[in-house]
Amino acid sequence: MVRKCIVMKVFSGLHDEYKKRHNEIWPEMVKMLHQYGAKNYSIFLDSETNSLFAYLEIEDEELWSKSDETEICQKWWKYMKDVMETNEDNSPVSIELKEVFHLD
């Protein structure tokens, strides 16, 4: 199992909308996440900085790296681009954090 942590940004004033969209996540998006090996996926918000901290566990880095090519992922990115910082391809602007400590 590979642990991943990613930092993203939600736009100020859109925290509730961001949360609402995730509370109503599309079943086909959930299915894709599971198909590409995502487990134990959580996103946390620092409302003072608008920072999002996503934590997830994946089965395989190579398999996971292909999830962004799926039609449903592309559709989700387009749906979310008005509430968070995104790149030109609509993917979230994100920084992957390096794990420096873990305790089971």
N, C-alpha and C. Protein backbone atom coordinates (compact mmCIF):
# COMPACT_ATOMS: atom_id res chain seq x y z
N MET A 1 0.84 -1.17 0.00
CA MET A 1 0.00 0.00 0.00
C MET A 1 0.89 1.24 0.00
N VAL A 2 0.57 2.19 -0.86
CA VAL A 2 1.29 3.46 -0.97
C VAL A 2 0.42 4.56 -0.38
N ARG A 3 0.98 5.32 0.56
CA ARG A 3 0.25 6.45 1.15
C ARG A 3 0.61 7.71 0.36
N LYS A 4 -0.41 8.51 0.04
CA LYS A 4 -0.18 9.76 -0.70
C LYS A 4 -0.85 10.91 0.05
N CYS A 5 -0.19 12.07 0.02
CA CYS A 5 -0.78 13.29 0.56
C CYS A 5 -0.55 14.40 -0.45
N ILE A 6 -1.61 15.11 -0.76
CA ILE A 6 -1.58 16.13 -1.80
C ILE A 6 -2.20 17.41 -1.25
N VAL A 7 -1.58 18.54 -1.56
CA VAL A 7 -2.09 19.85 -1.16
C VAL A 7 -2.68 20.53 -2.38
N MET A 8 -3.90 21.07 -2.22
CA MET A 8 -4.58 21.81 -3.28
C MET A 8 -5.17 23.07 -2.65
N LYS A 9 -5.83 23.89 -3.45
CA LYS A 9 -6.46 25.11 -2.95
C LYS A 9 -7.90 25.22 -3.43
N VAL A 10 -8.78 25.56 -2.49
CA VAL A 10 -10.17 25.87 -2.82
C VAL A 10 -10.29 27.39 -2.78
N PHE A 11 -11.15 27.94 -3.62
CA PHE A 11 -11.33 29.39 -3.63
C PHE A 11 -12.03 29.85 -2.36
N SER A 12 -11.60 31.01 -1.87
CA SER A 12 -12.21 31.62 -0.70
C SER A 12 -13.70 31.83 -0.96
N GLY A 13 -14.49 31.54 0.04
CA GLY A 13 -15.94 31.70 -0.09
C GLY A 13 -16.64 30.51 -0.72
N LEU A 14 -15.89 29.52 -1.18
CA LEU A 14 -16.50 28.36 -1.83
C LEU A 14 -16.26 27.06 -1.07
N HIS A 15 -15.90 27.17 0.20
CA HIS A 15 -15.64 25.99 1.02
C HIS A 15 -16.88 25.10 1.11
N ASP A 16 -18.03 25.72 1.36
CA ASP A 16 -19.26 24.94 1.50
C ASP A 16 -19.63 24.25 0.18
N GLU A 17 -19.44 24.95 -0.93
CA GLU A 17 -19.75 24.35 -2.24
C GLU A 17 -18.82 23.18 -2.52
N TYR A 18 -17.53 23.34 -2.19
CA TYR A 18 -16.56 22.26 -2.38
C TYR A 18 -17.01 21.03 -1.58
N LYS A 19 -17.36 21.26 -0.32
CA LYS A 19 -17.80 20.15 0.53
C LYS A 19 -19.08 19.52 -0.01
N LYS A 20 -20.04 20.35 -0.43
CA LYS A 20 -21.30 19.85 -0.97
C LYS A 20 -21.06 18.93 -2.16
N ARG A 21 -20.20 19.36 -3.07
CA ARG A 21 -19.94 18.54 -4.27
C ARG A 21 -19.32 17.20 -3.90
N HIS A 22 -18.47 17.18 -2.88
CA HIS A 22 -17.88 15.92 -2.47
C HIS A 22 -18.87 15.06 -1.68
N ASN A 23 -19.76 15.70 -0.95
CA ASN A 23 -20.80 14.93 -0.25
C ASN A 23 -21.74 14.26 -1.25
N GLU A 24 -21.83 14.83 -2.44
CA GLU A 24 -22.69 14.30 -3.49
C GLU A 24 -21.88 13.67 -4.62
N ILE A 25 -20.71 13.15 -4.29
CA ILE A 25 -19.81 12.59 -5.31
C ILE A 25 -20.56 11.57 -6.16
N TRP A 26 -20.31 11.62 -7.43
CA TRP A 26 -21.01 10.74 -8.37
C TRP A 26 -20.59 9.28 -8.14
N PRO A 27 -21.55 8.37 -8.15
CA PRO A 27 -21.23 6.94 -7.97
C PRO A 27 -20.19 6.44 -8.98
N GLU A 28 -20.26 6.93 -10.22
CA GLU A 28 -19.28 6.47 -11.22
C GLU A 28 -17.87 6.99 -10.91
N MET A 29 -17.77 8.11 -10.21
CA MET A 29 -16.46 8.62 -9.79
C MET A 29 -15.90 7.72 -8.68
N VAL A 30 -16.74 7.36 -7.74
CA VAL A 30 -16.32 6.46 -6.66
C VAL A 30 -15.88 5.12 -7.25
N LYS A 31 -16.64 4.61 -8.21
CA LYS A 31 -16.30 3.34 -8.84
C LYS A 31 -14.92 3.42 -9.51
N MET A 32 -14.67 4.52 -10.22
CA MET A 32 -13.38 4.68 -10.88
C MET A 32 -12.25 4.75 -9.86
N LEU A 33 -12.43 5.50 -8.79
CA LEU A 33 -11.39 5.61 -7.76
C LEU A 33 -11.04 4.22 -7.22
N HIS A 34 -12.05 3.43 -6.95
CA HIS A 34 -11.79 2.07 -6.46
C HIS A 34 -11.12 1.20 -7.52
N GLN A 35 -11.57 1.32 -8.77
CA GLN A 35 -10.97 0.53 -9.85
C GLN A 35 -9.48 0.84 -10.03
N TYR A 36 -9.10 2.08 -9.76
CA TYR A 36 -7.71 2.48 -9.92
C TYR A 36 -6.93 2.41 -8.61
N GLY A 37 -7.50 1.73 -7.63
CA GLY A 37 -6.76 1.36 -6.43
C GLY A 37 -6.82 2.30 -5.25
N ALA A 38 -7.69 3.31 -5.27
CA ALA A 38 -7.78 4.25 -4.15
C ALA A 38 -8.57 3.64 -2.99
N LYS A 39 -8.01 3.83 -1.81
CA LYS A 39 -8.67 3.38 -0.58
C LYS A 39 -8.40 4.43 0.49
N ASN A 40 -9.23 4.44 1.51
CA ASN A 40 -8.99 5.30 2.67
C ASN A 40 -8.68 6.73 2.24
N TYR A 41 -9.59 7.33 1.48
CA TYR A 41 -9.39 8.64 0.87
C TYR A 41 -10.10 9.70 1.71
N SER A 42 -9.37 10.70 2.17
CA SER A 42 -9.93 11.81 2.94
C SER A 42 -9.37 13.11 2.41
N ILE A 43 -10.17 14.18 2.50
CA ILE A 43 -9.70 15.52 2.17
C ILE A 43 -10.02 16.42 3.35
N PHE A 44 -9.02 17.18 3.79
CA PHE A 44 -9.16 18.08 4.93
C PHE A 44 -8.99 19.52 4.44
N LEU A 45 -9.66 20.46 5.12
CA LEU A 45 -9.63 21.86 4.74
C LEU A 45 -9.04 22.70 5.87
N ASP A 46 -8.09 23.56 5.53
CA ASP A 46 -7.63 24.62 6.42
C ASP A 46 -8.33 25.88 5.93
N SER A 47 -9.41 26.27 6.60
CA SER A 47 -10.24 27.37 6.12
C SER A 47 -9.54 28.73 6.19
N GLU A 48 -8.49 28.86 6.98
CA GLU A 48 -7.77 30.13 7.05
C GLU A 48 -6.89 30.35 5.82
N THR A 49 -6.36 29.28 5.25
CA THR A 49 -5.47 29.40 4.09
C THR A 49 -6.11 28.91 2.80
N ASN A 50 -7.31 28.35 2.89
CA ASN A 50 -8.01 27.74 1.75
C ASN A 50 -7.29 26.50 1.23
N SER A 51 -6.41 25.94 2.04
CA SER A 51 -5.65 24.75 1.62
C SER A 51 -6.44 23.48 1.87
N LEU A 52 -6.38 22.60 0.89
CA LEU A 52 -6.96 21.27 0.99
C LEU A 52 -5.83 20.26 1.12
N PHE A 53 -5.97 19.33 2.04
CA PHE A 53 -4.98 18.28 2.23
C PHE A 53 -5.66 16.95 1.96
N ALA A 54 -5.30 16.34 0.86
CA ALA A 54 -5.90 15.06 0.48
C ALA A 54 -4.97 13.93 0.90
N TYR A 55 -5.52 12.95 1.59
CA TYR A 55 -4.77 11.75 1.98
C TYR A 55 -5.49 10.56 1.39
N LEU A 56 -4.72 9.70 0.73
CA LEU A 56 -5.29 8.46 0.23
C LEU A 56 -4.24 7.37 0.19
N GLU A 57 -4.72 6.17 0.15
CA GLU A 57 -3.85 5.01 0.01
C GLU A 57 -4.19 4.37 -1.32
N ILE A 58 -3.15 3.99 -2.05
CA ILE A 58 -3.35 3.36 -3.36
C ILE A 58 -2.63 2.02 -3.38
N GLU A 59 -3.08 1.17 -4.26
CA GLU A 59 -2.48 -0.16 -4.39
C GLU A 59 -1.22 -0.12 -5.23
N ASP A 60 -1.22 0.70 -6.30
CA ASP A 60 -0.13 0.66 -7.26
C ASP A 60 0.01 2.04 -7.91
N GLU A 61 1.19 2.61 -7.87
CA GLU A 61 1.43 3.95 -8.41
C GLU A 61 1.17 4.01 -9.91
N GLU A 62 1.58 2.99 -10.65
CA GLU A 62 1.39 2.98 -12.10
C GLU A 62 -0.09 2.94 -12.47
N LEU A 63 -0.84 2.09 -11.78
CA LEU A 63 -2.29 2.02 -12.03
C LEU A 63 -2.95 3.36 -11.68
N TRP A 64 -2.61 3.91 -10.53
CA TRP A 64 -3.20 5.17 -10.09
C TRP A 64 -2.91 6.29 -11.07
N SER A 65 -1.71 6.31 -11.63
CA SER A 65 -1.32 7.39 -12.54
C SER A 65 -2.19 7.44 -13.80
N LYS A 66 -2.86 6.35 -14.10
CA LYS A 66 -3.73 6.30 -15.29
C LYS A 66 -5.15 6.77 -15.00
N SER A 67 -5.47 6.99 -13.73
CA SER A 67 -6.85 7.39 -13.39
C SER A 67 -7.21 8.75 -13.96
N ASP A 68 -6.24 9.63 -14.09
CA ASP A 68 -6.55 10.97 -14.60
C ASP A 68 -6.89 10.97 -16.09
N GLU A 69 -6.66 9.88 -16.77
CA GLU A 69 -6.97 9.76 -18.19
C GLU A 69 -8.41 9.30 -18.43
N THR A 70 -9.10 8.90 -17.37
CA THR A 70 -10.46 8.38 -17.54
C THR A 70 -11.44 9.51 -17.85
N GLU A 71 -12.47 9.16 -18.58
CA GLU A 71 -13.50 10.12 -18.95
C GLU A 71 -14.17 10.73 -17.71
N ILE A 72 -14.44 9.89 -16.70
CA ILE A 72 -15.12 10.40 -15.51
C ILE A 72 -14.22 11.35 -14.72
N CYS A 73 -12.94 11.10 -14.68
CA CYS A 73 -12.03 12.01 -13.99
C CYS A 73 -11.98 13.36 -14.71
N GLN A 74 -11.90 13.31 -16.02
CA GLN A 74 -11.89 14.54 -16.81
C GLN A 74 -13.18 15.34 -16.58
N LYS A 75 -14.29 14.64 -16.51
CA LYS A 75 -15.59 15.28 -16.26
C LYS A 75 -15.62 15.91 -14.86
N TRP A 76 -15.07 15.18 -13.86
CA TRP A 76 -15.03 15.69 -12.49
C TRP A 76 -14.17 16.94 -12.41
N TRP A 77 -13.01 16.92 -13.04
CA TRP A 77 -12.12 18.10 -13.02
C TRP A 77 -12.84 19.31 -13.61
N LYS A 78 -13.53 19.12 -14.71
CA LYS A 78 -14.26 20.22 -15.33
C LYS A 78 -15.34 20.75 -14.39
N TYR A 79 -16.02 19.84 -13.71
CA TYR A 79 -17.07 20.19 -12.75
C TYR A 79 -16.51 20.99 -11.56
N MET A 80 -15.29 20.70 -11.15
CA MET A 80 -14.70 21.32 -9.96
C MET A 80 -13.90 22.58 -10.25
N LYS A 81 -13.62 22.89 -11.51
CA LYS A 81 -12.70 23.98 -11.83
C LYS A 81 -13.17 25.35 -11.37
N ASP A 82 -14.46 25.53 -11.14
CA ASP A 82 -14.94 26.85 -10.70
C ASP A 82 -14.87 27.04 -9.18
N VAL A 83 -14.47 25.99 -8.45
CA VAL A 83 -14.37 26.12 -6.99
C VAL A 83 -12.95 25.97 -6.45
N MET A 84 -12.00 25.65 -7.34
CA MET A 84 -10.63 25.44 -6.86
C MET A 84 -9.61 25.82 -7.92
N GLU A 85 -8.38 26.01 -7.48
CA GLU A 85 -7.30 26.33 -8.41
C GLU A 85 -7.05 25.13 -9.32
N THR A 86 -7.00 25.41 -10.63
CA THR A 86 -6.79 24.33 -11.60
C THR A 86 -5.77 24.73 -12.64
N ASN A 87 -5.23 23.73 -13.29
CA ASN A 87 -4.31 23.91 -14.41
C ASN A 87 -5.12 24.08 -15.69
N GLU A 88 -4.43 24.35 -16.79
CA GLU A 88 -5.13 24.55 -18.07
C GLU A 88 -5.93 23.34 -18.52
N ASP A 89 -5.53 22.15 -18.10
CA ASP A 89 -6.26 20.94 -18.47
C ASP A 89 -7.39 20.62 -17.47
N ASN A 90 -7.69 21.56 -16.58
CA ASN A 90 -8.71 21.46 -15.53
C ASN A 90 -8.30 20.61 -14.34
N SER A 91 -7.13 19.98 -14.38
CA SER A 91 -6.67 19.21 -13.23
C SER A 91 -6.39 20.18 -12.07
N PRO A 92 -6.58 19.73 -10.84
CA PRO A 92 -6.30 20.61 -9.71
C PRO A 92 -4.80 20.96 -9.64
N VAL A 93 -4.53 22.21 -9.35
CA VAL A 93 -3.15 22.59 -9.03
C VAL A 93 -2.84 21.85 -7.73
N SER A 94 -1.82 21.02 -7.75
CA SER A 94 -1.55 20.21 -6.57
C SER A 94 -0.06 20.01 -6.36
N ILE A 95 0.27 19.85 -5.10
CA ILE A 95 1.64 19.55 -4.70
C ILE A 95 1.59 18.26 -3.90
N GLU A 96 2.36 17.28 -4.32
CA GLU A 96 2.41 16.03 -3.57
C GLU A 96 3.44 16.17 -2.47
N LEU A 97 3.02 15.88 -1.25
CA LEU A 97 3.93 15.96 -0.11
C LEU A 97 4.69 14.66 0.05
N LYS A 98 5.90 14.77 0.50
CA LYS A 98 6.75 13.61 0.73
C LYS A 98 6.56 13.14 2.17
N GLU A 99 6.31 11.86 2.33
CA GLU A 99 6.14 11.31 3.67
C GLU A 99 7.49 11.29 4.38
N VAL A 100 7.51 11.83 5.61
CA VAL A 100 8.74 11.84 6.39
C VAL A 100 8.59 11.07 7.70
N PHE A 101 7.37 10.67 8.03
CA PHE A 101 7.13 9.89 9.25
C PHE A 101 5.81 9.15 9.12
N HIS A 102 5.78 7.94 9.65
CA HIS A 102 4.55 7.15 9.69
C HIS A 102 4.59 6.25 10.92
N LEU A 103 3.45 6.14 11.59
CA LEU A 103 3.32 5.25 12.74
C LEU A 103 2.01 4.49 12.61
N ASP A 104 2.08 3.17 12.64
CA ASP A 104 0.86 2.35 12.64
C ASP A 104 0.38 2.17 14.06
